[in-house]
C-alpha atoms as a PDB file:
ATOM      1  CA  MET A   1     -32.859  -6.207   4.657  1.00  0.00           C
ATOM      2  CA  GLU A   2     -29.221  -5.697   2.963  1.00  0.00           C
ATOM      3  CA  LYS A   3     -28.451  -8.285   0.313  1.00  0.00           C
ATOM      4  CA  GLU A   4     -25.488 -10.226   0.664  1.00  0.00           C
ATOM      5  CA  THR A   5     -23.932  -9.153  -2.615  1.00  0.00           C
ATOM      6  CA  ASP A   6     -24.443  -5.257  -1.196  1.00  0.00           C
ATOM      7  CA  LYS A   7     -22.473  -6.233   1.718  1.00  0.00           C
ATOM      8  CA  LYS A   8     -19.561  -7.605   0.079  1.00  0.00           C
ATOM      9  CA  TYR A   9     -19.719  -4.624  -2.324  1.00  0.00           C
ATOM     10  CA  LYS A  10     -19.509  -2.081   0.458  1.00  0.00           C
ATOM     11  CA  VAL A  11     -16.568  -4.148   2.135  1.00  0.00           C
ATOM     12  CA  MET A  12     -14.719  -4.225  -1.308  1.00  0.00           C
ATOM     13  CA  LYS A  13     -15.167  -0.662  -1.942  1.00  0.00           C
ATOM     14  CA  THR A  14     -13.840   0.362   1.507  1.00  0.00           C
ATOM     15  CA  ILE A  15     -10.900  -1.633   0.826  1.00  0.00           C
ATOM     16  CA  MET A  16     -10.581  -0.324  -2.723  1.00  0.00           C
ATOM     17  CA  ASP A  17     -10.859   3.176  -1.306  1.00  0.00           C
ATOM     18  CA  ALA A  18      -8.176   2.377   1.219  1.00  0.00           C
ATOM     19  CA  LEU A  19      -5.685   1.186  -1.052  1.00  0.00           C
ATOM     20  CA  GLU A  20      -6.198   4.512  -2.966  1.00  0.00           C
ATOM     21  CA  ASN A  21      -5.181   6.495   0.257  1.00  0.00           C
ATOM     22  CA  ILE A  22      -2.340   4.323   0.717  1.00  0.00           C
ATOM     23  CA  LEU A  23      -0.770   3.582  -2.601  1.00  0.00           C
ATOM     24  CA  CYS A  24      -1.609   6.634  -4.486  1.00  0.00           C
ATOM     25  CA  SER A  25      -1.537   9.619  -1.979  1.00  0.00           C
ATOM     26  CA  TYR A  26       0.744  11.935  -3.602  1.00  0.00           C
ATOM     27  CA  GLN A  27      -0.712  14.869  -5.417  1.00  0.00           C
ATOM     28  CA  GLY A  28       0.614  16.895  -8.428  1.00  0.00           C
ATOM     29  CA  ARG A  29       2.152  15.989 -11.706  1.00  0.00           C
ATOM     30  CA  GLY A  30       2.159  12.548 -12.749  1.00  0.00           C
ATOM     31  CA  HIS A  31      -0.544  11.533  -9.821  1.00  0.00           C
ATOM     32  CA  LEU A  32      -1.781   8.044 -10.018  1.00  0.00           C
ATOM     33  CA  SER A  33      -4.842   6.175  -9.135  1.00  0.00           C
ATOM     34  CA  VAL A  34      -5.497   2.426  -8.341  1.00  0.00           C
ATOM     35  CA  TYR A  35      -8.805   2.867 -10.046  1.00  0.00           C
ATOM     36  CA  THR A  36      -7.014   2.976 -13.567  1.00  0.00           C
ATOM     37  CA  ASP A  37      -6.666  -0.456 -13.572  1.00  0.00           C
ATOM     38  CA  LEU A  38      -9.894  -2.073 -12.036  1.00  0.00           C
ATOM     39  CA  ASP A  39      -8.577  -5.427 -12.771  1.00  0.00           C
ATOM     40  CA  SER A  40      -5.528  -5.469 -10.455  1.00  0.00           C
ATOM     41  CA  LEU A  41      -7.332  -3.231  -8.040  1.00  0.00           C
ATOM     42  CA  ALA A  42     -10.237  -6.064  -7.749  1.00  0.00           C
ATOM     43  CA  LEU A  43      -7.595  -8.793  -7.167  1.00  0.00           C
ATOM     44  CA  PHE A  44      -5.205  -6.810  -4.832  1.00  0.00           C
ATOM     45  CA  ALA A  45      -8.771  -6.064  -2.794  1.00  0.00           C
ATOM     46  CA  SER A  46      -9.797  -9.665  -2.787  1.00  0.00           C
ATOM     47  CA  LEU A  47      -6.723 -10.866  -1.536  1.00  0.00           C
ATOM     48  CA  VAL A  48      -6.674  -8.206   1.447  1.00  0.00           C
ATOM     49  CA  ALA A  49     -10.310  -9.029   1.906  1.00  0.00           C
ATOM     50  CA  TYR A  50      -9.777 -12.723   2.091  1.00  0.00           C
ATOM     51  CA  GLY A  51      -6.535 -12.643   4.485  1.00  0.00           C
ATOM     52  CA  GLN A  52      -3.899 -13.542   1.661  1.00  0.00           C
ATOM     53  CA  ILE A  53      -2.185 -10.245   2.083  1.00  0.00           C
ATOM     54  CA  GLN A  54      -1.538  -9.424   5.369  1.00  0.00           C
ATOM     55  CA  VAL A  55      -1.795  -5.329   6.153  1.00  0.00           C
ATOM     56  CA  GLU A  56      -0.638  -3.699   9.070  1.00  0.00           C
ATOM     57  CA  ASP A  57      -0.360  -0.153  10.247  1.00  0.00           C
ATOM     58  CA  TYR A  58       2.326   1.713  12.281  1.00  0.00           C
ATOM     59  CA  GLN A  59       1.872   4.978  13.847  1.00  0.00           C
ATOM     60  CA  TYR A  60       5.179   7.297  13.613  1.00  0.00           C
ATOM     61  CA  ASP A  61       5.958  10.848  14.633  1.00  0.00           C
ATOM     62  CA  TYR A  62       6.885  13.119  11.753  1.00  0.00           C
ATOM     63  CA  ASP A  63      10.349  14.907  12.267  1.00  0.00           C
ATOM     64  CA  ASP A  64      10.339  18.323  10.984  1.00  0.00           C
ATOM     65  CA  GLY A  65      13.956  18.682  11.831  1.00  0.00           C
ATOM     66  CA  ILE A  66      15.111  15.755  10.278  1.00  0.00           C
ATOM     67  CA  ARG A  67      17.864  17.221   8.233  1.00  0.00           C
ATOM     68  CA  GLU A  68      19.663  17.859  11.634  1.00  0.00           C
ATOM     69  CA  ASP A  69      19.333  14.077  12.460  1.00  0.00           C
ATOM     70  CA  GLY A  70      22.822  12.524  11.696  1.00  0.00           C
ATOM     71  CA  GLU A  71      21.978   8.785  11.252  1.00  0.00           C
ATOM     72  CA  ALA A  72      18.995   9.838   8.756  1.00  0.00           C
ATOM     73  CA  VAL A  73      21.110  11.941   6.937  1.00  0.00           C
ATOM     74  CA  ARG A  74      23.889   9.393   6.419  1.00  0.00           C
ATOM     75  CA  ILE A  75      21.682   6.705   5.012  1.00  0.00           C
ATOM     76  CA  TYR A  76      19.813   9.276   2.794  1.00  0.00           C
ATOM     77  CA  GLN A  77      23.197  10.071   1.350  1.00  0.00           C
ATOM     78  CA  GLU A  78      24.388   6.681   0.833  1.00  0.00           C
ATOM     79  CA  LEU A  79      21.491   5.935  -1.049  1.00  0.00           C
ATOM     80  CA  VAL A  80      21.253   8.909  -3.227  1.00  0.00           C
ATOM     81  CA  PRO A  81      24.204   8.137  -5.579  1.00  0.00           C
ATOM     82  CA  GLN A  82      22.079   4.783  -6.830  1.00  0.00           C
ATOM     83  CA  THR A  83      19.085   7.033  -7.318  1.00  0.00           C
ATOM     84  CA  ARG A  84      17.762   9.961  -9.698  1.00  0.00           C
ATOM     85  CA  TRP A  85      16.612  12.058  -6.810  1.00  0.00           C
ATOM     86  CA  ARG A  86      17.195  15.542  -6.540  1.00  0.00           C
ATOM     87  CA  VAL A  87      19.602  16.523  -3.713  1.00  0.00           C
ATOM     88  CA  GLY A  88      20.347  19.503  -1.424  1.00  0.00           C
ATOM     89  CA  GLN A  89      17.172  21.660  -2.539  1.00  0.00           C
ATOM     90  CA  ARG A  90      15.184  21.028   0.921  1.00  0.00           C
ATOM     91  CA  THR A  91      12.295  19.508  -1.038  1.00  0.00           C
ATOM     92  CA  GLN A  92       9.198  18.069   1.076  1.00  0.00           C
ATOM     93  CA  ILE A  93       9.985  14.800  -0.652  1.00  0.00           C
ATOM     94  CA  GLU A  94      13.423  14.789   0.574  1.00  0.00           C
ATOM     95  CA  ALA A  95      12.464  15.235   4.278  1.00  0.00           C
ATOM     96  CA  ILE A  96       9.572  12.360   3.800  1.00  0.00           C
ATOM     97  CA  ARG A  97      12.109  10.051   2.587  1.00  0.00           C
ATOM     98  CA  MET A  98      14.595  10.772   5.489  1.00  0.00           C
ATOM     99  CA  ASN A  99      11.869  10.183   7.900  1.00  0.00           C
ATOM    100  CA  ALA A 100      10.825   7.113   6.117  1.00  0.00           C
ATOM    101  CA  LEU A 101      14.257   5.745   6.250  1.00  0.00           C
ATOM    102  CA  LYS A 102      14.436   6.852  10.000  1.00  0.00           C
ATOM    103  CA  GLN A 103      11.920   4.517  10.772  1.00  0.00           C
ATOM    104  CA  PHE A 104      13.945   1.556   9.272  1.00  0.00           C
ATOM    105  CA  ALA A 105      17.370   2.562  10.732  1.00  0.00           C
ATOM    106  CA  GLY A 106      17.463  -0.475  12.605  1.00  0.00           C
ATOM    107  CA  MET A 107      17.565  -3.012   9.482  1.00  0.00           C
ATOM    108  CA  GLY A 108      20.550  -1.052   8.355  1.00  0.00           C
ATOM    109  CA  THR A 109      21.466   0.523   4.925  1.00  0.00           C
ATOM    110  CA  PRO A 110      19.446  -0.433   2.057  1.00  0.00           C
ATOM    111  CA  VAL A 111      20.185  -0.499  -1.712  1.00  0.00           C
ATOM    112  CA  PHE A 112      18.351   1.536  -4.491  1.00  0.00           C
ATOM    113  CA  GLU A 113      16.861  -1.222  -7.025  1.00  0.00           C
ATOM    114  CA  GLU A 114      14.047   0.632  -8.566  1.00  0.00           C
ATOM    115  CA  GLN A 115      12.644   0.914  -4.912  1.00  0.00           C
ATOM    116  CA  ILE A 116      14.449   1.253  -1.703  1.00  0.00           C
ATOM    117  CA  TYR A 117      15.290  -2.365  -1.034  1.00  0.00           C
ATOM    118  CA  TYR A 118      16.575  -3.725   2.509  1.00  0.00           C
ATOM    119  CA  LYS A 119      18.147  -6.528   0.613  1.00  0.00           C
ATOM    120  CA  ASP A 120      20.397  -8.234   3.260  1.00  0.00           C
ATOM    121  CA  THR A 121      18.390  -7.808   6.220  1.00  0.00           C
ATOM    122  CA  THR A 122      14.629  -8.410   6.135  1.00  0.00           C
ATOM    123  CA  ALA A 123      14.078  -8.477   2.155  1.00  0.00           C
ATOM    124  CA  SER A 124      11.614  -5.793   2.361  1.00  0.00           C
ATOM    125  CA  VAL A 125      10.957  -2.706   0.155  1.00  0.00           C
ATOM    126  CA  LEU A 126      10.259   0.708   1.249  1.00  0.00           C
ATOM    127  CA  VAL A 127       7.975   2.875  -1.196  1.00  0.00           C
ATOM    128  CA  CYS A 128       7.790   6.868  -0.383  1.00  0.00           C
ATOM    129  CA  GLY A 129       5.583   7.872  -3.413  1.00  0.00           C
ATOM    130  CA  GLU A 130       2.881   5.887  -5.416  1.00  0.00           C
ATOM    131  CA  ILE A 131       2.799   2.473  -6.681  1.00  0.00           C
ATOM    132  CA  LEU A 132      -0.222   0.645  -8.454  1.00  0.00           C
ATOM    133  CA  PRO A 133      -1.462  -2.787  -7.595  1.00  0.00           C
ATOM    134  CA  TYR A 134      -0.051  -4.344 -10.643  1.00  0.00           C
ATOM    135  CA  GLU A 135       3.338  -2.879  -9.807  1.00  0.00           C
ATOM    136  CA  VAL A 136       3.055  -4.320  -6.611  1.00  0.00           C
ATOM    137  CA  PHE A 137       2.319  -7.728  -8.411  1.00  0.00           C
ATOM    138  CA  GLN A 138       5.339  -7.256 -10.324  1.00  0.00           C
ATOM    139  CA  LEU A 139       7.500  -6.377  -7.330  1.00  0.00           C
ATOM    140  CA  PHE A 140       6.778  -9.886  -5.593  1.00  0.00           C
ATOM    141  CA  THR A 141       6.791 -11.914  -8.503  1.00  0.00           C
ATOM    142  CA  ASP A 142      10.057 -10.469 -10.525  1.00  0.00           C
ATOM    143  CA  VAL A 143      12.021 -10.444  -7.404  1.00  0.00           C
ATOM    144  CA  ALA A 144      11.410 -13.748  -5.506  1.00  0.00           C
ATOM    145  CA  GLU A 145      13.551 -12.428  -2.359  1.00  0.00           C
ATOM    146  CA  VAL A 146      11.216  -9.703  -1.509  1.00  0.00           C
ATOM    147  CA  LYS A 147       9.080 -10.790   1.348  1.00  0.00           C
ATOM    148  CA  LYS A 148       7.200  -7.739   2.356  1.00  0.00           C
ATOM    149  CA  LEU A 149       6.269  -4.218   1.073  1.00  0.00           C
ATOM    150  CA  TYR A 150       6.115  -0.719   3.230  1.00  0.00           C
ATOM    151  CA  VAL A 151       4.356   2.039   1.965  1.00  0.00           C
ATOM    152  CA  PHE A 152       4.484   5.648   3.286  1.00  0.00           C
ATOM    153  CA  PRO A 153       1.717   7.786   2.094  1.00  0.00           C
ATOM    154  CA  TYR A 154       2.061  11.405   1.974  1.00  0.00           C
ATOM    155  CA  PRO A 155       1.956  12.723   5.557  1.00  0.00           C
ATOM    156  CA  PHE A 156       0.299  16.023   5.363  1.00  0.00           C
ATOM    157  CA  ARG A 157      -3.402  15.274   4.936  1.00  0.00           C
ATOM    158  CA  ASP A 158      -5.868  17.023   7.030  1.00  0.00           C
ATOM    159  CA  ARG A 159      -8.178  13.860   7.220  1.00  0.00           C
ATOM    160  CA  TRP A 160      -5.841  11.468   8.820  1.00  0.00           C
ATOM    161  CA  GLU A 161      -5.809  11.976  12.740  1.00  0.00           C
ATOM    162  CA  ARG A 162      -2.401   9.715  13.062  1.00  0.00           C
ATOM    163  CA  LEU A 163       0.348   9.600  10.781  1.00  0.00           C
ATOM    164  CA  LEU A 164       0.687   6.176   9.593  1.00  0.00           C
ATOM    165  CA  TYR A 165       2.731   3.802   7.290  1.00  0.00           C
ATOM    166  CA  PHE A 166       1.749   0.477   6.118  1.00  0.00           C
ATOM    167  CA  SER A 167       3.206  -3.119   5.205  1.00  0.00           C
ATOM    168  CA  PHE A 168       1.753  -5.666   2.957  1.00  0.00           C
ATOM    169  CA  GLU A 169       2.940  -9.132   3.337  1.00  0.00           C
ATOM    170  CA  PRO A 170       1.348 -11.789   0.819  1.00  0.00           C
ATOM    171  CA  THR A 171       1.016 -15.480   1.500  1.00  0.00           C
ATOM    172  CA  GLU A 172       2.245 -18.068  -0.832  1.00  0.00           C
ATOM    173  CA  ALA A 173      -1.368 -18.612  -2.154  1.00  0.00           C
ATOM    174  CA  ALA A 174      -1.504 -14.624  -2.729  1.00  0.00           C
ATOM    175  CA  LEU A 175       1.732 -14.997  -4.834  1.00  0.00           C
ATOM    176  CA  GLU A 176       0.471 -17.682  -6.782  1.00  0.00           C
ATOM    177  CA  GLU A 177      -2.484 -15.504  -7.672  1.00  0.00           C
ATOM    178  CA  MET A 178      -0.218 -12.769  -8.308  1.00  0.00           C
ATOM    179  CA  ARG A 179       1.892 -14.805 -10.767  1.00  0.00           C
ATOM    180  CA  LYS A 180      -1.351 -15.933 -12.666  1.00  0.00           C
ATOM    181  CA  TYR A 181      -2.584 -12.347 -13.259  1.00  0.00           C
ATOM    182  CA  MET A 182       1.056 -11.249 -14.700  1.00  0.00           C
ATOM    183  CA  GLU A 183       1.121 -14.282 -16.721  1.00  0.00           C
ATOM    184  CA  LYS A 184      -2.345 -13.676 -18.096  1.00  0.00           C
ATOM    185  CA  LYS A 185      -1.459 -10.272 -18.890  1.00  0.00           C
ATOM    186  CA  TRP A 186       1.539 -11.245 -20.852  1.00  0.00           C
ATOM    187  CA  GLU A 187      -0.425 -13.788 -22.755  1.00  0.00           C
ATOM    188  CA  GLU A 188      -3.129 -10.876 -23.388  1.00  0.00           C
ATOM    189  CA  MET A 189      -0.270  -8.825 -24.809  1.00  0.00           C
ATOM    190  CA  TYR A 190       1.311 -11.418 -27.235  1.00  0.00           C
ATOM    191  CA  ARG A 191      -2.380 -12.369 -28.445  1.00  0.00           C
ATOM    192  CA  THR A 192      -2.940  -8.752 -29.172  1.00  0.00           C
ATOM    193  CA  ILE A 193       0.344  -8.513 -31.137  1.00  0.00           C
ATOM    194  CA  ARG A 194      -0.299 -11.661 -32.892  1.00  0.00           C
ATOM    195  CA  GLU A 195      -3.890 -10.715 -33.908  1.00  0.00           C
ATOM    196  CA  ASN A 196      -2.626  -7.364 -35.333  1.00  0.00           C
ATOM    197  CA  ASP A 197      -0.047  -9.639 -37.220  1.00  0.00           C
ATOM    198  CA  LYS A 198       2.845  -7.892 -35.852  1.00  0.00           C
ATOM    199  CA  SER A 199       6.250  -9.054 -34.373  1.00  0.00           C
ATOM    200  CA  PHE A 200       8.470  -7.477 -31.883  1.00  0.00           C
ATOM    201  CA  ASP A 201      10.318  -6.120 -34.458  1.00  0.00           C
ATOM    202  CA  ALA A 202       7.291  -4.062 -35.807  1.00  0.00           C
ATOM    203  CA  VAL A 203       6.508  -2.771 -32.414  1.00  0.00           C
ATOM    204  CA  ILE A 204       9.890  -1.925 -31.063  1.00  0.00           C
ATOM    205  CA  PRO A 205      11.973   0.451 -33.853  1.00  0.00           C
ATOM    206  CA  LYS A 206      15.153  -0.799 -35.428  1.00  0.00           C
ATOM    207  CA  VAL A 207      18.185   1.230 -34.370  1.00  0.00           C
ATOM    208  CA  GLU A 208      21.321   1.296 -36.868  1.00  0.00           C
ATOM    209  CA  LYS A 209      24.382   0.044 -35.050  1.00  0.00           C
ATOM    210  CA  TRP A 210      26.832   2.551 -34.561  1.00  0.00           C
ATOM    211  CA  GLU A 211      30.196   1.673 -35.934  1.00  0.00           C
ATOM    212  CA  GLY A 212      33.071   3.532 -33.551  1.00  0.00           C
END
């Protein structure tokens, strides 16, 4: 008979693997993995398992001719000056971003504040790329107005039968756990600095003030 702890492990491992496929799906240089930080991954998975982070998936159709869609192109072009995105090179990520923006056209034109942010309408953030669990915690705890996170995984994967994007919406209890986690990590960093008898002046190099 399977032990209760074994069942819990299997459930948690399933959630963790799913988070890996959703949050860190873009291959290539700089590719990330949720498994690089097991503490934040374990907390994220637990919050999902106990319903403290509501996860939904949405099916969509990828438009190969998205560059001919005037509305998607308009929103993209309005957003570009706020970013460091490469433009005009007809890259794959450019088309993926346009497809993602098309799904949210009804929310209006977003702004870019480190991520695509529908600040004035739904207080939602859209990620077309990779984001680690602790970065999700930072997003929800640093910007109090953010209510929901949408993630567009890499669409061209053989094992996916349907094209899906996902939303993550934490409860107040989940937000509190995220805040506690981030505070704990800051305290650990401060303690490490103190234990090594270092100050921020020692960690951050001084730069001579330029007098023009």
